[in-house]
């Protein structure tokens, strides 16, 4: 069934998919429905899901507390293009959960949020340049498609304005000296934009005190520090990476987990910067669908639930991530496979390399062919991880101990087959 659907799709949808990360050879499976930690395909296969909308589904698929209020809102209307009280409620929840956030502007996608945060930084500093890090993915527009992560890492830059891309200064992640050298040579830097934990080059964790050093350098040089928390926001902790690592950026971008997979994003930050947005300020940002009542209702329900169960949720996610990672490490050791695994909170990823993964260059040297074989073998065992090495595995509140046990067993079986066929 998935095969025939993909043949139909290729005729009318470029590449047969509406986002390149969804394609893998020979064809992707098509979903029929999902519930909790499972996706059921049109081929009637039930898969334990570790892709989870690339991190968006933190509570679980079709989570009843969210779906119930969304259904109620649908009966009341799906778009008004005038303010609703729930928009205020959602902003209050975000400010209450994330340390030192003063104002919030709601949007639709992570790309929107990062794009407008760069414009805010330029308006505030009256400078032009953007510092980004090799392997970080911040969306699909010219300024940030410079050595990006995710599926964009294997694409060309056709159609991009070179003049725009030249405003972006690229650095290796986890290398403070490279940043120090750059800021000494350039006095036109508006912002440093970073995924505090890289989740679009597999999973790369900041070295000790790295984010604090970014904060100190940016403050000293009068540069706006932007945390792209599209992935990590509400996932690493209730206050995202900012709370988890104890580092406060000037601006942060949020999406994905903010509404358990409904399309919603936000820019959050300091009042003196955020008030530059129109209509109060002169930085224009507008959208017909921004603050739409369906996504906002889902956002309120999601954050209220996260706040309610945080003392159970976050320890559970970390425990499951550690259990899976430790189990995989044991099998890697037993099979004498050259592989390593990174994990933090509810996120983990495996690499076929014996190098420590601390920046994008390490990831690029890992064996992507073996990862593809692993993906295929796991799919046969009912485990769905991201098809690409450049993505991250996620765990949801709906996963249970039985899911974790089955996953470790499936990894053991898959690793043996990958090792035998190498």
Protein backbone atom coordinates (compact mmCIF):
# COMPACT_ATOMS: atom_id res chain seq x y z
CA UNK A 1 0.00 0.00 0.00
CA UNK A 2 2.77 2.47 0.91
CA UNK A 3 4.56 1.56 -2.33
CA UNK A 4 1.56 2.33 -4.51
CA UNK A 5 0.80 5.54 -2.62
CA UNK A 6 4.37 6.71 -3.13
CA UNK A 7 4.12 6.03 -6.87
CA UNK A 8 1.01 8.24 -6.97
CA UNK A 9 2.70 10.91 -4.88
CA UNK A 10 5.78 11.12 -7.12
CA UNK A 11 3.61 12.17 -10.05
CA UNK A 12 2.13 15.23 -8.33
CA UNK A 13 4.37 16.06 -5.34
CA UNK A 14 8.07 16.90 -5.95
CA UNK A 15 10.06 13.90 -4.80
CA UNK A 16 6.85 12.31 -3.53
CA UNK A 17 7.11 14.03 -0.12
CA UNK A 18 6.32 17.45 1.31
CA UNK A 19 9.55 17.65 3.29
CA UNK A 20 12.80 15.99 2.16
CA UNK A 21 13.55 14.49 5.57
CA UNK A 22 10.56 12.15 5.08
CA UNK A 23 12.09 10.34 2.11
CA UNK A 24 14.21 7.24 2.33
CA UNK A 25 14.88 4.44 -0.15
CA UNK A 26 13.10 2.67 -1.63
CA UNK A 27 10.02 4.56 -0.39
CA UNK A 28 8.68 5.85 2.95
CA UNK A 29 5.85 4.15 4.79
CA UNK A 30 2.58 6.06 4.87
CA UNK A 31 0.87 6.60 8.21
CA UNK A 32 -2.74 5.67 8.83
CA UNK A 33 -3.12 6.88 12.41
CA UNK A 34 -1.23 7.16 15.67
CA UNK A 35 -1.90 6.81 19.36
CA UNK A 36 0.39 7.22 22.34
CA UNK A 37 3.89 6.03 21.42
CA UNK A 38 2.76 4.14 18.30
CA UNK A 39 2.25 4.87 14.61
CA UNK A 40 0.08 2.51 12.58
CA UNK A 41 0.89 2.43 8.88
CA UNK A 42 -1.39 1.92 5.89
CA UNK A 43 0.33 -1.48 5.59
CA UNK A 44 -1.11 -2.36 9.04
CA UNK A 45 2.27 -2.32 10.78
CA UNK A 46 2.45 -0.97 14.33
CA UNK A 47 5.66 0.94 15.04
CA UNK A 48 7.06 2.26 18.31
CA UNK A 49 7.80 5.85 17.36
CA UNK A 50 11.08 7.56 18.28
CA UNK A 51 10.78 10.21 15.58
CA UNK A 52 7.71 11.79 17.23
CA UNK A 53 7.27 14.56 14.69
CA UNK A 54 11.00 15.27 15.00
CA UNK A 55 10.57 16.04 18.66
CA UNK A 56 7.20 17.78 18.59
CA UNK A 57 5.12 15.05 20.23
CA UNK A 58 6.35 15.20 23.82
CA UNK A 59 3.16 13.91 25.48
CA UNK A 60 2.33 11.26 22.88
CA UNK A 61 0.21 11.00 19.76
CA UNK A 62 -3.47 11.98 19.99
CA UNK A 63 -2.98 12.81 23.67
CA UNK A 64 -6.48 13.01 25.12
CA UNK A 65 -6.03 16.12 27.29
CA UNK A 66 -4.96 18.07 24.20
CA UNK A 67 -7.31 16.56 21.63
CA UNK A 68 -10.36 17.04 23.85
CA UNK A 69 -9.98 20.82 24.13
CA UNK A 70 -9.06 21.14 20.44
CA UNK A 71 -12.31 19.39 19.48
CA UNK A 72 -14.22 21.80 21.70
CA UNK A 73 -12.50 24.78 20.05
CA UNK A 74 -13.26 23.45 16.56
CA UNK A 75 -16.95 23.76 17.33
CA UNK A 76 -16.38 27.40 18.28
CA UNK A 77 -14.34 28.36 15.21
CA UNK A 78 -10.90 27.75 13.78
CA UNK A 79 -9.69 31.25 12.85
CA UNK A 80 -10.78 34.77 13.76
CA UNK A 81 -7.81 37.04 12.94
CA UNK A 82 -8.61 39.01 16.07
CA UNK A 83 -7.14 38.42 19.54
CA UNK A 84 -8.42 35.73 21.90
CA UNK A 85 -7.95 35.39 25.65
CA UNK A 86 -6.14 32.07 25.16
CA UNK A 87 -3.29 33.91 23.41
CA UNK A 88 -2.70 35.83 26.63
CA UNK A 89 -3.01 32.65 28.65
CA UNK A 90 -0.42 30.88 26.48
CA UNK A 91 2.04 33.79 26.73
CA UNK A 92 1.57 33.81 30.52
CA UNK A 93 2.30 30.08 30.67
CA UNK A 94 5.48 30.45 28.61
CA UNK A 95 6.70 33.35 30.75
CA UNK A 96 5.86 31.40 33.90
CA UNK A 97 7.78 28.31 32.81
CA UNK A 98 10.93 29.79 31.24
CA UNK A 99 13.30 31.80 33.47
CA UNK A 100 13.74 35.53 32.79
CA UNK A 101 11.40 35.75 29.80
CA UNK A 102 9.40 38.98 29.67
CA UNK A 103 7.44 39.04 26.41
CA UNK A 104 6.18 36.54 23.81
CA UNK A 105 5.04 36.82 20.19
CA UNK A 106 3.20 33.81 18.74
CA UNK A 107 3.85 32.53 15.21
CA UNK A 108 3.39 29.31 13.23
CA UNK A 109 6.72 27.68 12.41
CA UNK A 110 10.24 27.48 13.73
CA UNK A 111 11.58 29.05 10.53
CA UNK A 112 9.37 32.10 11.07
CA UNK A 113 10.52 32.46 14.64
CA UNK A 114 14.24 32.26 13.87
CA UNK A 115 13.93 34.57 10.85
CA UNK A 116 12.19 37.29 12.83
CA UNK A 117 14.52 36.88 15.80
CA UNK A 118 17.45 37.70 13.51
CA UNK A 119 15.62 40.80 12.29
CA UNK A 120 14.98 41.84 15.89
CA UNK A 121 18.67 41.46 16.71
CA UNK A 122 19.67 43.56 13.71
CA UNK A 123 17.18 46.27 14.61
CA UNK A 124 18.33 46.36 18.23
CA UNK A 125 22.09 46.38 17.54
CA UNK A 126 22.07 48.25 14.20
CA UNK A 127 24.49 45.60 12.95
CA UNK A 128 24.22 43.02 10.13
CA UNK A 129 26.22 39.84 10.63
CA UNK A 130 24.83 36.59 12.01
CA UNK A 131 27.04 34.00 13.70
CA UNK A 132 25.81 30.43 13.29
CA UNK A 133 27.44 27.07 13.98
CA UNK A 134 28.27 24.27 11.62
CA UNK A 135 25.50 21.67 11.72
CA UNK A 136 22.87 23.86 13.37
CA UNK A 137 19.55 23.95 11.52
CA UNK A 138 17.45 27.09 11.95
CA UNK A 139 15.01 26.83 9.07
CA UNK A 140 14.87 27.02 5.29
CA UNK A 141 15.86 30.56 4.29
CA UNK A 142 19.05 32.11 2.95
CA UNK A 143 20.69 33.50 6.09
CA UNK A 144 20.73 30.17 7.93
CA UNK A 145 21.25 27.68 5.07
CA UNK A 146 25.00 27.86 5.56
CA UNK A 147 26.33 24.42 6.54
CA UNK A 148 22.97 23.53 8.04
CA UNK A 149 21.97 20.31 9.72
CA UNK A 150 18.93 18.10 9.14
CA UNK A 151 18.10 17.02 5.58
CA UNK A 152 19.40 20.38 4.33
CA UNK A 153 22.94 19.16 5.06
CA UNK A 154 22.85 17.03 1.91
CA UNK A 155 21.25 19.66 -0.35
CA UNK A 156 22.82 22.27 -2.59
CA UNK A 157 22.19 25.96 -2.12
CA UNK A 158 20.52 26.50 -5.49
CA UNK A 159 18.15 29.46 -5.42
CA UNK A 160 19.79 31.11 -2.42
CA UNK A 161 21.15 34.63 -2.64
CA UNK A 162 24.89 34.45 -2.12
CA UNK A 163 24.78 38.08 -1.00
CA UNK A 164 22.47 37.11 1.86
CA UNK A 165 24.51 34.08 2.85
CA UNK A 166 27.64 36.24 3.01
CA UNK A 167 26.11 37.99 6.01
CA UNK A 168 26.38 34.73 7.96
CA UNK A 169 29.62 33.84 9.74
CA UNK A 170 30.15 30.11 10.28
CA UNK A 171 31.93 28.57 13.26
CA UNK A 172 32.48 25.05 14.66
CA UNK A 173 30.32 24.17 17.67
CA UNK A 174 32.00 23.62 21.05
CA UNK A 175 34.98 25.78 20.07
CA UNK A 176 35.15 28.93 22.20
CA UNK A 177 38.51 30.08 20.84
CA UNK A 178 37.09 30.20 17.30
CA UNK A 179 34.33 32.54 18.49
CA UNK A 180 36.79 34.72 20.42
CA UNK A 181 38.94 35.08 17.30
CA UNK A 182 35.93 35.93 15.16
CA UNK A 183 34.53 38.67 17.39
CA UNK A 184 37.98 40.29 17.62
CA UNK A 185 38.10 40.51 13.82
CA UNK A 186 34.52 41.67 13.22
CA UNK A 187 32.64 44.58 14.78
CA UNK A 188 29.42 44.17 12.75
CA UNK A 189 27.91 41.11 14.48
CA UNK A 190 24.23 41.50 15.38
CA UNK A 191 23.62 38.08 16.90
CA UNK A 192 24.92 34.66 17.77
CA UNK A 193 22.29 32.05 16.98
CA UNK A 194 22.74 28.55 18.34
CA UNK A 195 20.88 25.36 19.07
CA UNK A 196 21.97 24.99 22.72
CA UNK A 197 21.87 21.24 22.09
CA UNK A 198 22.34 20.36 18.44
CA UNK A 199 19.42 18.14 17.43
CA UNK A 200 19.74 18.44 13.67
CA UNK A 201 23.18 16.89 13.27
CA UNK A 202 22.19 13.83 15.16
CA UNK A 203 22.63 14.87 18.79
CA UNK A 204 25.57 16.99 19.92
CA UNK A 205 25.78 18.11 23.53
CA UNK A 206 27.54 21.30 24.65
CA UNK A 207 30.77 20.83 26.53
CA UNK A 208 30.90 21.97 30.13
CA UNK A 209 30.51 25.76 30.47
CA UNK A 210 30.34 26.23 26.67
CA UNK A 211 26.96 27.97 26.71
CA UNK A 212 28.00 30.13 29.66
CA UNK A 213 31.03 31.26 27.66
CA UNK A 214 28.80 32.15 24.68
CA UNK A 215 26.72 34.23 27.08
CA UNK A 216 29.73 36.05 28.53
CA UNK A 217 31.26 36.78 25.12
CA UNK A 218 27.98 38.08 23.67
CA UNK A 219 27.36 40.37 26.67
CA UNK A 220 30.91 41.72 26.55
CA UNK A 221 30.69 42.47 22.82
CA UNK A 222 27.14 43.84 22.76
CA UNK A 223 25.90 40.93 20.63
CA UNK A 224 22.39 39.46 20.94
CA UNK A 225 22.45 35.78 22.00
CA UNK A 226 19.64 33.75 20.44
CA UNK A 227 18.86 30.24 21.65
CA UNK A 228 17.04 28.30 18.94
CA UNK A 229 14.94 26.10 21.22
CA UNK A 230 12.56 24.92 18.52
CA UNK A 231 13.55 21.37 19.55
CA UNK A 232 14.76 21.72 23.13
CA UNK A 233 12.09 24.11 24.39
CA UNK A 234 9.92 22.32 27.03
CA UNK A 235 11.68 19.05 26.14
CA UNK A 236 14.93 19.20 28.10
CA UNK A 237 13.08 20.67 31.09
CA UNK A 238 9.96 22.80 31.68
CA UNK A 239 12.12 25.84 30.93
CA UNK A 240 13.99 24.20 28.07
CA UNK A 241 17.75 24.37 27.63
CA UNK A 242 17.85 27.78 29.28
CA UNK A 243 16.65 26.31 32.57
CA UNK A 244 18.51 23.01 32.10
CA UNK A 245 21.91 24.69 31.68
CA UNK A 246 21.19 27.84 33.69
CA UNK A 247 21.98 30.22 30.81
CA UNK A 248 19.63 33.06 29.86
CA UNK A 249 19.71 34.22 26.21
CA UNK A 250 18.42 37.57 25.00
CA UNK A 251 15.94 35.88 22.66
CA UNK A 252 14.77 32.30 22.29
CA UNK A 253 12.66 30.62 19.63
CA UNK A 254 10.14 27.92 20.51
CA UNK A 255 8.02 25.47 18.51
CA UNK A 256 7.47 21.67 18.34
CA UNK A 257 6.73 20.65 21.96
CA UNK A 258 4.95 23.92 22.69
CA UNK A 259 1.67 22.42 21.38
CA UNK A 260 2.42 18.68 21.21
CA UNK A 261 2.72 18.79 17.43
CA UNK A 262 0.10 21.38 16.45
CA UNK A 263 1.62 24.11 14.23
CA UNK A 264 2.70 26.83 16.63
CA UNK A 265 5.90 28.73 17.38
CA UNK A 266 6.99 31.73 19.39
CA UNK A 267 9.72 34.26 19.94
CA UNK A 268 10.30 34.96 23.62
CA UNK A 269 12.75 37.40 25.12
CA UNK A 270 13.59 40.58 26.92
CA UNK A 271 11.03 43.38 26.80
CA UNK A 272 13.46 46.01 25.49
CA UNK A 273 14.06 43.83 22.42
CA UNK A 274 10.59 42.35 21.93
CA UNK A 275 8.91 45.77 21.94
CA UNK A 276 10.68 46.53 18.67
CA UNK A 277 8.08 44.31 16.96
CA UNK A 278 5.23 46.12 15.24
CA UNK A 279 2.73 47.57 15.93
CA UNK A 280 4.57 49.09 18.92
CA UNK A 281 7.95 49.05 17.22
CA UNK A 282 9.27 49.26 13.68
CA UNK A 283 10.24 45.61 13.02
CA UNK A 284 7.41 44.21 10.94
CA UNK A 285 6.08 40.73 11.62
CA UNK A 286 2.63 39.59 10.64
CA UNK A 287 0.74 36.41 9.81
CA UNK A 288 -2.86 35.47 9.12
CA UNK A 289 -2.46 32.23 11.04
CA UNK A 290 -0.37 33.52 13.96
CA UNK A 291 -2.20 32.89 17.22
CA UNK A 292 -4.90 30.82 15.52
CA UNK A 293 -7.29 29.45 18.15
CA UNK A 294 -6.78 25.76 17.32
CA UNK A 295 -3.01 25.73 17.83
CA UNK A 296 -3.17 28.15 20.74
CA UNK A 297 -5.76 25.97 22.48
CA UNK A 298 -3.48 22.98 21.97
CA UNK A 299 -0.55 25.02 23.30
CA UNK A 300 -2.39 25.98 26.48
CA UNK A 301 -3.46 22.38 27.10
CA UNK A 302 0.06 21.06 26.41
CA UNK A 303 1.89 23.48 28.69
CA UNK A 304 -0.68 23.08 31.46
CA UNK A 305 -0.16 19.33 31.28
CA UNK A 306 3.62 19.63 31.23
CA UNK A 307 3.47 21.88 34.27
CA UNK A 308 1.10 19.48 36.05
CA UNK A 309 3.17 16.31 35.48
CA UNK A 310 6.69 17.77 35.34
CA UNK A 311 7.88 16.00 38.49
CA UNK A 312 6.99 12.66 36.90
CA UNK A 313 7.52 13.46 33.22
CA UNK A 314 11.10 14.71 33.05
CA UNK A 315 12.65 12.09 35.36
CA UNK A 316 10.77 9.39 33.40
CA UNK A 317 12.02 10.67 30.05
CA UNK A 318 15.61 10.87 31.31
CA UNK A 319 15.40 7.38 32.82
CA UNK A 320 14.11 5.89 29.57
CA UNK A 321 16.78 7.71 27.54
CA UNK A 322 19.52 6.43 29.86
CA UNK A 323 18.11 2.90 29.83
CA UNK A 324 17.97 2.72 26.02
CA UNK A 325 21.40 4.32 25.63
CA UNK A 326 23.03 2.04 28.22
CA UNK A 327 21.41 -1.01 26.63
CA UNK A 328 22.67 -0.05 23.18
CA UNK A 329 26.17 0.62 24.56
CA UNK A 330 26.26 -2.87 26.09
CA UNK A 331 25.42 -4.46 22.74
CA UNK A 332 27.94 -2.28 20.91
CA UNK A 333 30.62 -3.44 23.34
CA UNK A 334 29.63 -7.10 23.10
CA UNK A 335 29.65 -7.02 19.30
CA UNK A 336 32.86 -4.96 19.16
CA UNK A 337 31.23 -2.44 16.81
CA UNK A 338 32.84 0.93 16.21
CA UNK A 339 29.95 3.06 17.42
CA UNK A 340 29.07 5.68 20.00
CA UNK A 341 25.87 7.12 21.41
CA UNK A 342 24.95 10.55 22.76
CA UNK A 343 21.96 11.14 25.01
CA UNK A 344 20.51 13.89 27.14
CA UNK A 345 17.11 14.12 28.82
CA UNK A 346 14.55 12.64 26.36
CA UNK A 347 16.90 12.54 23.35
CA UNK A 348 19.46 10.04 22.03
CA UNK A 349 21.31 9.12 18.85
CA UNK A 350 23.71 6.41 17.69
CA UNK A 351 26.72 6.98 15.40
CA UNK A 352 28.84 4.38 13.67
CA UNK A 353 32.23 5.82 14.60
CA UNK A 354 34.65 5.41 17.46
CA UNK A 355 35.21 9.18 17.62
CA UNK A 356 33.63 11.28 20.35
CA UNK A 357 30.81 13.28 18.78
CA UNK A 358 31.30 16.90 19.77
CA UNK A 359 30.84 18.81 16.51
CA UNK A 360 29.48 18.41 12.99
CA UNK A 361 32.81 17.26 11.55
CA UNK A 362 32.71 14.15 13.76
CA UNK A 363 29.21 13.34 12.54
CA UNK A 364 30.16 13.67 8.88
CA UNK A 365 32.93 11.11 9.36
CA UNK A 366 30.54 8.52 10.84
CA UNK A 367 29.35 5.62 8.67
CA UNK A 368 26.01 6.71 7.23
CA UNK A 369 25.56 3.48 5.27
CA UNK A 370 25.59 1.43 8.47
CA UNK A 371 23.07 3.82 10.00
CA UNK A 372 20.75 3.27 7.01
CA UNK A 373 21.05 -0.49 7.50
CA UNK A 374 20.25 -0.05 11.19
CA UNK A 375 17.17 2.02 10.33
CA UNK A 376 15.93 -0.65 7.92
CA UNK A 377 16.48 -3.51 10.37
CA UNK A 378 14.77 -1.63 13.21
CA UNK A 379 11.78 -0.89 10.98
CA UNK A 380 11.41 -4.62 10.32
CA UNK A 381 11.25 -5.10 14.12
CA UNK A 382 8.59 -2.44 14.60
CA UNK A 383 10.86 0.41 15.71
CA UNK A 384 10.76 3.75 13.89
CA UNK A 385 13.79 5.99 14.34
CA UNK A 386 14.59 8.94 12.04
CA UNK A 387 15.76 7.69 8.62
CA UNK A 388 18.70 10.13 8.59
CA UNK A 389 21.86 10.07 10.71
CA UNK A 390 21.48 13.85 10.90
CA UNK A 391 18.38 13.66 13.10
CA UNK A 392 17.70 12.73 16.72
CA UNK A 393 15.61 10.07 18.45
CA UNK A 394 13.01 11.30 20.95
CA UNK A 395 10.99 9.76 23.79
CA UNK A 396 7.46 10.78 24.83
CA UNK A 397 5.42 10.67 28.02
CA UNK A 398 3.37 7.87 26.43
CA UNK A 399 6.27 5.44 26.08
CA UNK A 400 6.26 2.75 28.75
CA UNK A 401 8.69 0.17 30.15
CA UNK A 402 7.49 -2.48 27.71
CA UNK A 403 8.26 -0.16 24.78
CA UNK A 404 11.75 0.42 26.11
CA UNK A 405 12.43 -3.31 26.61
CA UNK A 406 11.23 -4.09 23.07
CA UNK A 407 13.37 -1.28 21.70
CA UNK A 408 16.56 -2.52 23.33
CA UNK A 409 15.86 -6.05 22.06
CA UNK A 410 15.26 -4.71 18.56
CA UNK A 411 18.50 -2.71 18.64
CA UNK A 412 20.39 -5.85 19.72
CA UNK A 413 18.96 -7.82 16.81
CA UNK A 414 19.51 -4.99 14.32
CA UNK A 415 23.09 -4.35 15.43
CA UNK A 416 23.94 -8.03 15.04
CA UNK A 417 22.63 -8.02 11.47
CA UNK A 418 24.43 -4.77 10.64
CA UNK A 419 27.64 -6.20 12.08
CA UNK A 420 27.26 -9.50 10.17
CA UNK A 421 26.71 -7.66 6.84
CA UNK A 422 29.51 -5.13 7.25
